[in-house]
């Protein structure tokens, strides 16, 4: 944030080098965690494979093989939220989209998971207006 001589915020900018570094680290870490989890497989009750909801938790457990993640994609986005008459909350998030293939007897299913991670947030305090009209009379 850059401020003028009176202390008012005049500019907010992002450090793209840091953003890209964080994005790369999150993508590599996510890929490693998914790969470690995929090596173990997933235990599912046999009734869950029938497709009938009533039998979904019944039967002996069957271990399903999971293939490695197809992709992990990280994107950044930010939000501005009004927090009162002179305050604004600015939050920066990283969205991690990952896809994993699950191999089941007779078919293969791709599962996509989306996770949002809060990277940073700040409350920007502005000037208090001299006049505040709450409503639409004009």
N, C-alpha and C. Protein backbone atom coordinates (compact mmCIF):
# COMPACT_ATOMS: atom_id res chain seq x y z
N UNK A 1 0.84 -1.18 0.00
CA UNK A 1 0.00 0.00 0.00
C UNK A 1 0.88 1.23 0.00
N UNK A 2 0.51 2.19 -0.78
CA UNK A 2 1.20 3.48 -0.77
C UNK A 2 0.23 4.54 -0.27
N UNK A 3 0.78 5.45 0.54
CA UNK A 3 -0.04 6.50 1.14
C UNK A 3 0.50 7.87 0.74
N UNK A 4 -0.38 8.86 0.76
CA UNK A 4 0.06 10.22 0.48
C UNK A 4 0.52 10.89 1.77
N UNK A 5 0.81 12.17 1.72
CA UNK A 5 1.35 12.87 2.89
C UNK A 5 0.36 12.97 4.03
N UNK A 6 -0.94 12.90 3.74
CA UNK A 6 -1.95 12.98 4.81
C UNK A 6 -2.30 11.61 5.37
N UNK A 7 -1.69 10.55 4.83
CA UNK A 7 -1.94 9.20 5.35
C UNK A 7 -3.04 8.44 4.65
N UNK A 8 -3.60 9.03 3.59
CA UNK A 8 -4.65 8.34 2.84
C UNK A 8 -4.01 7.34 1.88
N UNK A 9 -4.65 6.18 1.74
CA UNK A 9 -4.16 5.15 0.82
C UNK A 9 -4.43 5.61 -0.60
N UNK A 10 -3.38 5.63 -1.41
CA UNK A 10 -3.53 6.07 -2.80
C UNK A 10 -3.33 4.93 -3.79
N UNK A 11 -2.67 3.84 -3.37
CA UNK A 11 -2.38 2.76 -4.29
C UNK A 11 -2.19 1.45 -3.54
N UNK A 12 -2.76 0.38 -4.10
CA UNK A 12 -2.49 -0.97 -3.62
C UNK A 12 -1.96 -1.75 -4.81
N UNK A 13 -0.82 -2.41 -4.64
CA UNK A 13 -0.25 -3.19 -5.73
C UNK A 13 0.18 -4.55 -5.21
N UNK A 14 0.32 -5.49 -6.14
CA UNK A 14 0.71 -6.85 -5.78
C UNK A 14 2.11 -7.12 -6.29
N UNK A 15 2.85 -7.92 -5.53
CA UNK A 15 4.19 -8.35 -5.93
C UNK A 15 4.03 -9.63 -6.74
N UNK A 16 4.05 -9.51 -8.07
CA UNK A 16 3.78 -10.67 -8.93
C UNK A 16 4.83 -11.76 -8.78
N UNK A 17 6.05 -11.42 -8.44
CA UNK A 17 7.09 -12.43 -8.23
C UNK A 17 6.74 -13.33 -7.04
N UNK A 18 6.30 -12.71 -5.94
CA UNK A 18 5.90 -13.49 -4.77
C UNK A 18 4.65 -14.32 -5.05
N UNK A 19 3.71 -13.74 -5.78
CA UNK A 19 2.48 -14.46 -6.10
C UNK A 19 2.79 -15.70 -6.92
N UNK A 20 3.64 -15.57 -7.92
CA UNK A 20 4.00 -16.72 -8.74
C UNK A 20 4.79 -17.76 -7.96
N UNK A 21 5.64 -17.33 -7.04
CA UNK A 21 6.39 -18.27 -6.20
C UNK A 21 5.45 -19.05 -5.28
N UNK A 22 4.52 -18.36 -4.66
CA UNK A 22 3.55 -19.02 -3.79
C UNK A 22 2.71 -20.01 -4.59
N UNK A 23 2.26 -19.60 -5.77
CA UNK A 23 1.46 -20.47 -6.62
C UNK A 23 2.22 -21.74 -6.99
N UNK A 24 3.48 -21.61 -7.35
CA UNK A 24 4.29 -22.78 -7.68
C UNK A 24 4.50 -23.71 -6.50
N UNK A 25 4.76 -23.13 -5.33
CA UNK A 25 4.98 -23.95 -4.13
C UNK A 25 3.71 -24.70 -3.73
N UNK A 26 2.57 -24.04 -3.82
CA UNK A 26 1.30 -24.69 -3.48
C UNK A 26 1.00 -25.81 -4.47
N UNK A 27 1.25 -25.57 -5.75
CA UNK A 27 0.98 -26.60 -6.77
C UNK A 27 1.87 -27.82 -6.55
N UNK A 28 3.16 -27.62 -6.27
CA UNK A 28 4.08 -28.74 -6.05
C UNK A 28 3.70 -29.50 -4.77
N UNK A 29 3.39 -28.77 -3.70
CA UNK A 29 3.00 -29.41 -2.44
C UNK A 29 1.71 -30.20 -2.60
N UNK A 30 0.75 -29.64 -3.31
CA UNK A 30 -0.52 -30.33 -3.53
C UNK A 30 -0.32 -31.60 -4.34
N UNK A 31 0.50 -31.51 -5.38
CA UNK A 31 0.79 -32.67 -6.21
C UNK A 31 1.44 -33.78 -5.37
N UNK A 32 2.38 -33.42 -4.49
CA UNK A 32 3.06 -34.40 -3.65
C UNK A 32 2.09 -35.05 -2.66
N UNK A 33 1.22 -34.26 -2.05
CA UNK A 33 0.25 -34.81 -1.11
C UNK A 33 -0.72 -35.77 -1.79
N UNK A 34 -1.17 -35.40 -2.98
CA UNK A 34 -2.10 -36.26 -3.72
C UNK A 34 -1.41 -37.54 -4.13
N UNK A 35 -0.18 -37.45 -4.60
CA UNK A 35 0.57 -38.64 -5.01
C UNK A 35 0.77 -39.60 -3.84
N UNK A 36 1.10 -39.06 -2.66
CA UNK A 36 1.27 -39.92 -1.47
C UNK A 36 -0.03 -40.60 -1.09
N UNK A 37 -1.14 -39.88 -1.18
CA UNK A 37 -2.45 -40.46 -0.84
C UNK A 37 -2.86 -41.50 -1.87
N UNK A 38 -2.52 -41.26 -3.13
CA UNK A 38 -2.91 -42.18 -4.20
C UNK A 38 -2.19 -43.52 -4.09
N UNK A 39 -0.98 -43.51 -3.56
CA UNK A 39 -0.20 -44.76 -3.44
C UNK A 39 -0.89 -45.75 -2.49
N UNK A 40 -1.61 -45.26 -1.51
CA UNK A 40 -2.28 -46.12 -0.53
C UNK A 40 -3.59 -46.70 -1.03
N UNK A 41 -4.26 -46.02 -1.94
CA UNK A 41 -5.58 -46.46 -2.40
C UNK A 41 -6.65 -46.01 -1.42
N UNK A 42 -7.91 -46.35 -1.74
CA UNK A 42 -9.04 -45.96 -0.90
C UNK A 42 -9.87 -47.19 -0.60
N UNK A 43 -10.21 -47.36 0.69
CA UNK A 43 -11.08 -48.48 1.07
C UNK A 43 -12.53 -48.02 1.02
N UNK A 44 -13.35 -48.78 0.29
CA UNK A 44 -14.77 -48.46 0.10
C UNK A 44 -15.58 -49.72 0.38
N UNK A 45 -16.72 -49.59 1.09
CA UNK A 45 -17.58 -50.76 1.28
C UNK A 45 -18.08 -51.29 -0.06
N UNK A 46 -18.18 -52.59 -0.18
CA UNK A 46 -18.58 -53.22 -1.44
C UNK A 46 -19.97 -52.76 -1.88
N UNK A 47 -20.85 -52.47 -0.93
CA UNK A 47 -22.20 -52.01 -1.25
C UNK A 47 -22.22 -50.67 -1.96
N UNK A 48 -21.19 -49.85 -1.73
CA UNK A 48 -21.13 -48.54 -2.38
C UNK A 48 -20.95 -48.68 -3.88
N UNK A 49 -20.36 -49.78 -4.33
CA UNK A 49 -20.14 -49.99 -5.76
C UNK A 49 -21.40 -50.44 -6.49
N UNK A 50 -22.43 -50.82 -5.72
CA UNK A 50 -23.67 -51.30 -6.35
C UNK A 50 -24.48 -50.18 -6.97
N UNK A 51 -24.28 -48.94 -6.47
CA UNK A 51 -25.05 -47.82 -6.98
C UNK A 51 -26.37 -47.64 -6.25
N UNK A 52 -26.69 -48.52 -5.32
CA UNK A 52 -27.94 -48.45 -4.55
C UNK A 52 -27.61 -47.77 -3.22
N UNK A 53 -28.29 -46.67 -2.93
CA UNK A 53 -28.00 -45.88 -1.74
C UNK A 53 -28.15 -46.71 -0.46
N UNK A 54 -29.13 -47.57 -0.41
CA UNK A 54 -29.40 -48.37 0.78
C UNK A 54 -28.20 -49.25 1.16
N UNK A 55 -27.47 -49.73 0.17
CA UNK A 55 -26.33 -50.63 0.42
C UNK A 55 -24.98 -49.90 0.47
N UNK A 56 -24.99 -48.57 0.46
CA UNK A 56 -23.73 -47.81 0.32
C UNK A 56 -22.73 -48.05 1.45
N UNK A 57 -23.17 -48.39 2.65
CA UNK A 57 -22.24 -48.61 3.76
C UNK A 57 -22.10 -50.07 4.13
N UNK A 58 -22.67 -50.96 3.35
CA UNK A 58 -22.70 -52.38 3.72
C UNK A 58 -21.63 -53.17 2.97
N UNK A 59 -21.25 -54.28 3.58
CA UNK A 59 -20.35 -55.22 2.92
C UNK A 59 -18.90 -55.03 3.33
N UNK A 60 -18.07 -55.98 2.91
CA UNK A 60 -16.64 -55.88 3.23
C UNK A 60 -16.00 -54.72 2.46
N UNK A 61 -14.88 -54.25 2.98
CA UNK A 61 -14.17 -53.13 2.35
C UNK A 61 -13.33 -53.63 1.19
N UNK A 62 -13.37 -52.88 0.10
CA UNK A 62 -12.60 -53.17 -1.10
C UNK A 62 -11.66 -51.99 -1.33
N UNK A 63 -10.39 -52.28 -1.61
CA UNK A 63 -9.44 -51.21 -1.87
C UNK A 63 -9.44 -50.87 -3.35
N UNK A 64 -9.71 -49.59 -3.64
CA UNK A 64 -9.71 -49.11 -5.02
C UNK A 64 -8.37 -48.43 -5.30
N UNK A 65 -7.81 -48.69 -6.47
CA UNK A 65 -6.59 -48.03 -6.88
C UNK A 65 -6.91 -46.64 -7.38
N UNK A 66 -6.04 -45.69 -7.05
CA UNK A 66 -6.20 -44.32 -7.52
C UNK A 66 -4.97 -43.98 -8.33
N UNK A 67 -5.18 -43.48 -9.53
CA UNK A 67 -4.06 -43.05 -10.35
C UNK A 67 -3.60 -41.67 -9.89
N UNK A 68 -2.40 -41.31 -10.26
CA UNK A 68 -1.85 -40.01 -9.87
C UNK A 68 -2.73 -38.87 -10.40
N UNK A 69 -2.56 -37.73 -9.77
CA UNK A 69 -3.35 -36.56 -10.16
C UNK A 69 -3.06 -36.18 -11.60
N UNK A 70 -4.11 -35.89 -12.33
CA UNK A 70 -3.93 -35.44 -13.71
C UNK A 70 -3.37 -34.03 -13.74
N UNK A 71 -3.89 -33.17 -12.87
CA UNK A 71 -3.43 -31.79 -12.89
C UNK A 71 -3.71 -31.10 -11.57
N UNK A 72 -2.87 -30.13 -11.27
CA UNK A 72 -3.10 -29.22 -10.16
C UNK A 72 -2.88 -27.83 -10.72
N UNK A 73 -3.94 -27.01 -10.69
CA UNK A 73 -3.89 -25.66 -11.25
C UNK A 73 -4.20 -24.66 -10.14
N UNK A 74 -3.33 -23.67 -9.99
CA UNK A 74 -3.51 -22.64 -8.97
C UNK A 74 -3.79 -21.30 -9.64
N UNK A 75 -4.82 -20.62 -9.17
CA UNK A 75 -5.14 -19.28 -9.64
C UNK A 75 -5.40 -18.37 -8.45
N UNK A 76 -5.09 -17.10 -8.60
CA UNK A 76 -5.32 -16.12 -7.54
C UNK A 76 -6.55 -15.28 -7.87
N UNK A 77 -7.24 -14.86 -6.83
CA UNK A 77 -8.31 -13.88 -7.00
C UNK A 77 -8.41 -13.07 -5.71
N UNK A 78 -8.99 -11.90 -5.80
CA UNK A 78 -9.12 -11.06 -4.62
C UNK A 78 -10.56 -10.58 -4.48
N UNK A 79 -10.90 -10.22 -3.26
CA UNK A 79 -12.25 -9.73 -2.96
C UNK A 79 -12.15 -8.45 -2.14
N UNK A 80 -13.05 -7.54 -2.41
CA UNK A 80 -13.20 -6.33 -1.61
C UNK A 80 -14.60 -6.37 -0.99
N UNK A 81 -14.67 -6.26 0.33
CA UNK A 81 -15.95 -6.28 1.05
C UNK A 81 -16.06 -5.02 1.90
N UNK A 82 -17.22 -4.37 1.84
CA UNK A 82 -17.48 -3.22 2.70
C UNK A 82 -17.63 -3.68 4.14
N UNK A 83 -16.91 -3.04 5.05
CA UNK A 83 -16.95 -3.41 6.46
C UNK A 83 -17.52 -2.30 7.33
N UNK A 84 -18.11 -1.32 6.74
CA UNK A 84 -18.67 -0.21 7.50
C UNK A 84 -18.63 1.05 6.67
N UNK A 85 -18.83 2.16 7.33
CA UNK A 85 -18.94 3.43 6.64
C UNK A 85 -17.61 3.87 6.01
N UNK A 86 -16.49 3.48 6.61
CA UNK A 86 -15.21 3.92 6.08
C UNK A 86 -14.16 2.81 6.06
N UNK A 87 -14.59 1.56 6.04
CA UNK A 87 -13.64 0.44 6.05
C UNK A 87 -13.96 -0.55 4.93
N UNK A 88 -12.90 -1.06 4.32
CA UNK A 88 -13.03 -2.06 3.27
C UNK A 88 -12.06 -3.19 3.58
N UNK A 89 -12.54 -4.40 3.50
CA UNK A 89 -11.68 -5.58 3.70
C UNK A 89 -11.22 -6.08 2.34
N UNK A 90 -9.90 -6.19 2.18
CA UNK A 90 -9.33 -6.73 0.94
C UNK A 90 -8.70 -8.07 1.27
N UNK A 91 -9.12 -9.12 0.57
CA UNK A 91 -8.59 -10.47 0.81
C UNK A 91 -8.08 -11.05 -0.50
N UNK A 92 -6.94 -11.73 -0.44
CA UNK A 92 -6.36 -12.40 -1.60
C UNK A 92 -6.40 -13.90 -1.33
N UNK A 93 -6.97 -14.65 -2.27
CA UNK A 93 -7.11 -16.09 -2.14
C UNK A 93 -6.36 -16.78 -3.27
N UNK A 94 -5.95 -18.02 -3.01
CA UNK A 94 -5.45 -18.88 -4.06
C UNK A 94 -6.44 -20.03 -4.20
N UNK A 95 -6.87 -20.29 -5.43
CA UNK A 95 -7.81 -21.38 -5.71
C UNK A 95 -7.00 -22.53 -6.31
N UNK A 96 -7.09 -23.70 -5.67
CA UNK A 96 -6.37 -24.88 -6.12
C UNK A 96 -7.39 -25.85 -6.71
N UNK A 97 -7.29 -26.12 -8.01
CA UNK A 97 -8.13 -27.10 -8.69
C UNK A 97 -7.28 -28.32 -8.98
N UNK A 98 -7.70 -29.48 -8.49
CA UNK A 98 -6.95 -30.70 -8.76
C UNK A 98 -7.89 -31.79 -9.26
N UNK A 99 -7.37 -32.64 -10.14
CA UNK A 99 -8.14 -33.74 -10.70
C UNK A 99 -7.43 -35.05 -10.41
N UNK A 100 -8.20 -36.05 -9.98
CA UNK A 100 -7.66 -37.37 -9.67
C UNK A 100 -8.53 -38.41 -10.35
N UNK A 101 -7.91 -39.44 -10.91
CA UNK A 101 -8.67 -40.54 -11.52
C UNK A 101 -8.80 -41.67 -10.52
N UNK A 102 -10.02 -42.19 -10.36
CA UNK A 102 -10.28 -43.34 -9.50
C UNK A 102 -10.63 -44.51 -10.41
N UNK A 103 -9.88 -45.61 -10.24
CA UNK A 103 -10.10 -46.80 -11.07
C UNK A 103 -10.95 -47.77 -10.26
N UNK A 104 -12.15 -48.07 -10.79
CA UNK A 104 -13.06 -49.00 -10.14
C UNK A 104 -13.29 -50.18 -11.08
N UNK A 105 -13.76 -51.29 -10.57
CA UNK A 105 -14.05 -52.41 -11.45
C UNK A 105 -15.08 -52.01 -12.51
N UNK A 106 -14.68 -52.09 -13.75
CA UNK A 106 -15.59 -51.80 -14.85
C UNK A 106 -15.63 -50.36 -15.31
N UNK A 107 -15.07 -49.43 -14.56
CA UNK A 107 -15.09 -48.04 -15.02
C UNK A 107 -14.04 -47.20 -14.30
N UNK A 108 -13.80 -46.05 -14.87
CA UNK A 108 -12.86 -45.09 -14.31
C UNK A 108 -13.59 -43.77 -14.15
N UNK A 109 -13.38 -43.09 -13.02
CA UNK A 109 -14.05 -41.81 -12.77
C UNK A 109 -13.01 -40.76 -12.41
N UNK A 110 -13.17 -39.58 -12.99
CA UNK A 110 -12.30 -38.45 -12.66
C UNK A 110 -13.01 -37.56 -11.65
N UNK A 111 -12.32 -37.27 -10.56
CA UNK A 111 -12.87 -36.43 -9.50
C UNK A 111 -12.09 -35.13 -9.48
N UNK A 112 -12.80 -34.02 -9.50
CA UNK A 112 -12.17 -32.70 -9.46
C UNK A 112 -12.50 -32.06 -8.11
N UNK A 113 -11.47 -31.53 -7.45
CA UNK A 113 -11.63 -30.90 -6.14
C UNK A 113 -11.14 -29.46 -6.25
N UNK A 114 -11.96 -28.52 -5.74
CA UNK A 114 -11.61 -27.11 -5.72
C UNK A 114 -11.48 -26.66 -4.28
N UNK A 115 -10.33 -26.04 -3.96
CA UNK A 115 -10.08 -25.56 -2.60
C UNK A 115 -9.61 -24.12 -2.67
N UNK A 116 -10.18 -23.27 -1.82
CA UNK A 116 -9.75 -21.87 -1.73
C UNK A 116 -8.95 -21.68 -0.45
N UNK A 117 -7.80 -21.03 -0.57
CA UNK A 117 -6.91 -20.79 0.57
C UNK A 117 -6.72 -19.29 0.71
N UNK A 118 -6.96 -18.76 1.91
CA UNK A 118 -6.73 -17.34 2.18
C UNK A 118 -5.23 -17.11 2.29
N UNK A 119 -4.70 -16.22 1.45
CA UNK A 119 -3.27 -15.91 1.46
C UNK A 119 -3.00 -14.72 2.37
N UNK A 120 -3.77 -13.66 2.21
CA UNK A 120 -3.62 -12.50 3.07
C UNK A 120 -4.88 -11.65 3.02
N UNK A 121 -5.02 -10.80 4.03
CA UNK A 121 -6.14 -9.87 4.05
C UNK A 121 -5.72 -8.61 4.78
N UNK A 122 -6.38 -7.53 4.44
CA UNK A 122 -6.10 -6.25 5.07
C UNK A 122 -7.40 -5.47 5.16
N UNK A 123 -7.52 -4.66 6.20
CA UNK A 123 -8.66 -3.76 6.34
C UNK A 123 -8.16 -2.37 6.01
N UNK A 124 -8.75 -1.78 4.99
CA UNK A 124 -8.37 -0.45 4.53
C UNK A 124 -9.32 0.55 5.18
N UNK A 125 -8.77 1.47 5.93
CA UNK A 125 -9.57 2.48 6.62
C UNK A 125 -9.47 3.78 5.84
N UNK A 126 -10.61 4.29 5.46
CA UNK A 126 -10.65 5.54 4.69
C UNK A 126 -11.14 6.69 5.54
N UNK A 127 -11.39 7.79 4.87
CA UNK A 127 -11.91 8.97 5.57
C UNK A 127 -13.38 8.76 5.92
N UNK A 128 -13.77 9.35 7.01
CA UNK A 128 -15.19 9.32 7.38
C UNK A 128 -15.87 10.45 6.62
N UNK A 129 -16.91 10.11 5.85
CA UNK A 129 -17.57 11.17 5.06
C UNK A 129 -18.27 12.19 5.96
N UNK A 130 -18.32 13.41 5.46
CA UNK A 130 -19.00 14.47 6.22
C UNK A 130 -20.51 14.26 6.20
N UNK A 131 -21.02 13.69 5.09
CA UNK A 131 -22.46 13.43 4.96
C UNK A 131 -22.62 11.99 4.53
N UNK A 132 -23.56 11.29 5.18
CA UNK A 132 -23.82 9.90 4.82
C UNK A 132 -25.32 9.74 4.62
N UNK A 133 -25.72 9.41 3.41
CA UNK A 133 -27.13 9.18 3.11
C UNK A 133 -27.35 7.70 2.89
N UNK A 134 -28.14 7.10 3.75
CA UNK A 134 -28.43 5.68 3.62
C UNK A 134 -29.82 5.55 3.03
N UNK A 135 -29.89 5.38 1.74
CA UNK A 135 -31.19 5.28 1.07
C UNK A 135 -31.08 5.85 -0.30
N UNK A 136 -32.19 5.80 -1.01
CA UNK A 136 -32.19 6.32 -2.38
C UNK A 136 -33.37 7.29 -2.53
N UNK A 137 -33.14 8.55 -2.19
CA UNK A 137 -34.19 9.55 -2.29
C UNK A 137 -34.08 10.36 -3.56
N UNK A 138 -32.96 10.19 -4.31
CA UNK A 138 -32.77 10.96 -5.55
C UNK A 138 -33.05 10.11 -6.73
